[in-house]
Amino acid sequence: MTLTVGMITTDTTDAEALARWWAEQTGAEVAETNEGWFVIVRGGTLPVWLAFQKVEEVTPGKNRLHLDLTASGGLDTEVERLLASGATLVERRGDEHFRWVTLADPQGNQFCVSGPHAPAPET
């Protein structure tokens, strides 16, 4: 048996608002709203569907699953765009070989954005 990723689901207290934010950031669209309790985003640059499930309370602490996104138009430019649209900076990371930035969406879910992945230099 082979498993494939069907969608990535995030618990949230406002599924529609968070789905709209992610749709805007990825050039995707809100495809289903299901009366606000389970909202699906697909299309745009997304290789899988994103889902946002309404819950009374989100699990406290750092999310255990997060998105690792690649910025095709330049890491710094994309990070600045995300910050201007409501993301918050958690930490800039990496070195001269590979950099990434950890951000949080408007509801505090952390995600990472990196430049293109390149093979590690040979030693």
C-alpha atoms as a PDB file:
ATOM      1  CA  MET A   1       0.000   0.000   0.000  1.00  0.00           C
ATOM      2  CA  THR A   2       1.208   3.509  -0.806  1.00  0.00           C
ATOM      3  CA  LEU A   3       0.107   6.639   1.015  1.00  0.00           C
ATOM      4  CA  THR A   4      -0.031  10.069  -0.566  1.00  0.00           C
ATOM      5  CA  VAL A   5      -0.761  13.451   0.984  1.00  0.00           C
ATOM      6  CA  GLY A   6      -4.369  14.351   0.252  1.00  0.00           C
ATOM      7  CA  MET A   7      -4.498  17.594   2.211  1.00  0.00           C
ATOM      8  CA  ILE A   8      -2.942  19.349   5.149  1.00  0.00           C
ATOM      9  CA  THR A   9      -5.470  20.338   7.814  1.00  0.00           C
ATOM     10  CA  THR A  10      -5.126  23.092  10.404  1.00  0.00           C
ATOM     11  CA  ASP A  11      -7.372  23.487  13.444  1.00  0.00           C
ATOM     12  CA  THR A  12      -8.605  27.039  13.873  1.00  0.00           C
ATOM     13  CA  THR A  13     -11.339  29.005  15.598  1.00  0.00           C
ATOM     14  CA  ASP A  14     -12.133  30.872  12.342  1.00  0.00           C
ATOM     15  CA  ALA A  15     -11.754  28.495   9.404  1.00  0.00           C
ATOM     16  CA  GLU A  16     -13.075  30.836   6.726  1.00  0.00           C
ATOM     17  CA  ALA A  17     -10.832  33.780   7.628  1.00  0.00           C
ATOM     18  CA  LEU A  18      -7.692  31.663   7.835  1.00  0.00           C
ATOM     19  CA  ALA A  19      -8.530  29.837   4.598  1.00  0.00           C
ATOM     20  CA  ARG A  20      -8.975  33.166   2.792  1.00  0.00           C
ATOM     21  CA  TRP A  21      -5.604  34.362   4.094  1.00  0.00           C
ATOM     22  CA  TRP A  22      -3.818  31.218   2.878  1.00  0.00           C
ATOM     23  CA  ALA A  23      -5.637  31.317  -0.471  1.00  0.00           C
ATOM     24  CA  GLU A  24      -4.391  34.886  -1.000  1.00  0.00           C
ATOM     25  CA  GLN A  25      -0.821  33.949  -0.095  1.00  0.00           C
ATOM     26  CA  THR A  26      -0.652  30.965  -2.473  1.00  0.00           C
ATOM     27  CA  GLY A  27      -2.738  32.240  -5.393  1.00  0.00           C
ATOM     28  CA  ALA A  28      -5.274  29.517  -4.649  1.00  0.00           C
ATOM     29  CA  GLU A  29      -9.005  29.716  -4.053  1.00  0.00           C
ATOM     30  CA  VAL A  30     -11.407  28.786  -1.318  1.00  0.00           C
ATOM     31  CA  ALA A  31     -13.061  25.816  -3.004  1.00  0.00           C
ATOM     32  CA  GLU A  32     -15.470  24.663  -0.286  1.00  0.00           C
ATOM     33  CA  THR A  33     -16.717  26.330   2.880  1.00  0.00           C
ATOM     34  CA  ASN A  34     -19.040  23.691   4.404  1.00  0.00           C
ATOM     35  CA  GLU A  35     -20.814  26.354   6.468  1.00  0.00           C
ATOM     36  CA  GLY A  36     -17.514  27.468   7.991  1.00  0.00           C
ATOM     37  CA  TRP A  37     -16.666  24.271   9.841  1.00  0.00           C
ATOM     38  CA  PHE A  38     -14.314  22.683   7.264  1.00  0.00           C
ATOM     39  CA  VAL A  39     -12.936  24.970   4.574  1.00  0.00           C
ATOM     40  CA  ILE A  40     -10.812  23.712   1.665  1.00  0.00           C
ATOM     41  CA  VAL A  41      -8.272  25.731  -0.319  1.00  0.00           C
ATOM     42  CA  ARG A  42      -6.881  24.417  -3.599  1.00  0.00           C
ATOM     43  CA  GLY A  43      -5.235  25.565  -6.811  1.00  0.00           C
ATOM     44  CA  GLY A  44      -2.641  28.272  -7.256  1.00  0.00           C
ATOM     45  CA  THR A  45       0.840  27.123  -6.306  1.00  0.00           C
ATOM     46  CA  LEU A  46      -0.392  24.409  -3.931  1.00  0.00           C
ATOM     47  CA  PRO A  47       0.669  20.829  -4.693  1.00  0.00           C
ATOM     48  CA  VAL A  48      -1.922  19.579  -2.164  1.00  0.00           C
ATOM     49  CA  TRP A  49      -5.168  20.898  -0.735  1.00  0.00           C
ATOM     50  CA  LEU A  50      -5.153  22.892   2.489  1.00  0.00           C
ATOM     51  CA  ALA A  51      -8.053  22.436   4.882  1.00  0.00           C
ATOM     52  CA  PHE A  52      -9.059  24.515   7.885  1.00  0.00           C
ATOM     53  CA  GLN A  53     -11.224  22.827  10.499  1.00  0.00           C
ATOM     54  CA  LYS A  54     -13.175  24.916  12.979  1.00  0.00           C
ATOM     55  CA  VAL A  55     -12.649  23.922  16.601  1.00  0.00           C
ATOM     56  CA  GLU A  56     -13.730  25.512  19.872  1.00  0.00           C
ATOM     57  CA  GLU A  57     -10.135  25.719  21.124  1.00  0.00           C
ATOM     58  CA  VAL A  58      -6.891  25.137  19.252  1.00  0.00           C
ATOM     59  CA  THR A  59      -4.293  22.867  20.809  1.00  0.00           C
ATOM     60  CA  PRO A  60      -1.993  25.013  22.962  1.00  0.00           C
ATOM     61  CA  GLY A  61       1.708  25.307  22.198  1.00  0.00           C
ATOM     62  CA  LYS A  62       3.702  25.047  18.983  1.00  0.00           C
ATOM     63  CA  ASN A  63       1.945  23.285  16.147  1.00  0.00           C
ATOM     64  CA  ARG A  64       3.446  19.846  15.522  1.00  0.00           C
ATOM     65  CA  LEU A  65       2.936  19.902  11.773  1.00  0.00           C
ATOM     66  CA  HIS A  66       3.854  22.873   9.633  1.00  0.00           C
ATOM     67  CA  LEU A  67       4.232  23.921   6.026  1.00  0.00           C
ATOM     68  CA  ASP A  68       7.669  24.323   4.463  1.00  0.00           C
ATOM     69  CA  LEU A  69       7.195  26.639   1.495  1.00  0.00           C
ATOM     70  CA  THR A  70       9.704  27.586  -1.218  1.00  0.00           C
ATOM     71  CA  ALA A  71       9.899  31.173  -2.466  1.00  0.00           C
ATOM     72  CA  SER A  72      10.526  31.149  -6.192  1.00  0.00           C
ATOM     73  CA  GLY A  73      10.782  34.936  -6.473  1.00  0.00           C
ATOM     74  CA  GLY A  74      13.411  35.535  -3.799  1.00  0.00           C
ATOM     75  CA  LEU A  75      13.262  34.726  -0.101  1.00  0.00           C
ATOM     76  CA  ASP A  76      13.545  38.268   1.257  1.00  0.00           C
ATOM     77  CA  THR A  77      10.931  39.654  -1.135  1.00  0.00           C
ATOM     78  CA  GLU A  78       8.458  36.884  -0.279  1.00  0.00           C
ATOM     79  CA  VAL A  79       9.006  37.226   3.471  1.00  0.00           C
ATOM     80  CA  GLU A  80       8.388  40.974   3.289  1.00  0.00           C
ATOM     81  CA  ARG A  81       5.186  40.365   1.297  1.00  0.00           C
ATOM     82  CA  LEU A  82       3.953  37.855   3.878  1.00  0.00           C
ATOM     83  CA  LEU A  83       4.771  40.182   6.775  1.00  0.00           C
ATOM     84  CA  ALA A  84       2.901  43.028   5.067  1.00  0.00           C
ATOM     85  CA  SER A  85      -0.136  40.780   4.634  1.00  0.00           C
ATOM     86  CA  GLY A  86      -0.412  39.836   8.305  1.00  0.00           C
ATOM     87  CA  ALA A  87       2.178  37.143   9.013  1.00  0.00           C
ATOM     88  CA  THR A  88       4.519  37.639  11.969  1.00  0.00           C
ATOM     89  CA  LEU A  89       8.231  36.933  12.122  1.00  0.00           C
ATOM     90  CA  VAL A  90       9.302  34.102  14.424  1.00  0.00           C
ATOM     91  CA  GLU A  91      12.953  33.714  13.442  1.00  0.00           C
ATOM     92  CA  ARG A  92      15.390  34.033  10.537  1.00  0.00           C
ATOM     93  CA  ARG A  93      17.543  30.921  10.247  1.00  0.00           C
ATOM     94  CA  GLY A  94      20.300  29.265   8.242  1.00  0.00           C
ATOM     95  CA  ASP A  95      23.713  30.158   6.927  1.00  0.00           C
ATOM     96  CA  GLU A  96      25.364  31.176   3.645  1.00  0.00           C
ATOM     97  CA  HIS A  97      24.479  27.796   2.114  1.00  0.00           C
ATOM     98  CA  PHE A  98      20.781  27.701   2.972  1.00  0.00           C
ATOM     99  CA  ARG A  99      18.433  30.223   4.587  1.00  0.00           C
ATOM    100  CA  TRP A 100      14.843  29.989   5.737  1.00  0.00           C
ATOM    101  CA  VAL A 101      12.482  32.108   7.789  1.00  0.00           C
ATOM    102  CA  THR A 102       9.938  30.871  10.300  1.00  0.00           C
ATOM    103  CA  LEU A 103       6.758  32.933  10.287  1.00  0.00           C
ATOM    104  CA  ALA A 104       3.308  32.605  11.846  1.00  0.00           C
ATOM    105  CA  ASP A 105       0.028  33.124  10.040  1.00  0.00           C
ATOM    106  CA  PRO A 106      -2.572  35.544  11.483  1.00  0.00           C
ATOM    107  CA  GLN A 107      -3.742  32.876  13.970  1.00  0.00           C
ATOM    108  CA  GLY A 108      -0.275  31.894  15.164  1.00  0.00           C
ATOM    109  CA  ASN A 109       0.314  28.725  13.118  1.00  0.00           C
ATOM    110  CA  GLN A 110       4.008  28.573  12.282  1.00  0.00           C
ATOM    111  CA  PHE A 111       5.323  27.879   8.789  1.00  0.00           C
ATOM    112  CA  CYS A 112       8.708  28.170   7.092  1.00  0.00           C
ATOM    113  CA  VAL A 113       9.725  29.852   3.849  1.00  0.00           C
ATOM    114  CA  SER A 114      13.033  29.130   2.161  1.00  0.00           C
ATOM    115  CA  GLY A 115      14.809  29.934  -1.042  1.00  0.00           C
ATOM    116  CA  PRO A 116      15.206  27.159  -3.593  1.00  0.00           C
ATOM    117  CA  HIS A 117      16.744  23.991  -2.216  1.00  0.00           C
ATOM    118  CA  ALA A 118      20.204  23.264  -3.598  1.00  0.00           C
ATOM    119  CA  PRO A 119      22.483  20.299  -3.032  1.00  0.00           C
ATOM    120  CA  ALA A 120      24.880  20.664  -0.110  1.00  0.00           C
ATOM    121  CA  PRO A 121      28.403  21.671  -1.102  1.00  0.00           C
ATOM    122  CA  GLU A 122      30.841  18.788  -1.321  1.00  0.00           C
ATOM    123  CA  THR A 123      33.494  18.647   1.364  1.00  0.00           C
END
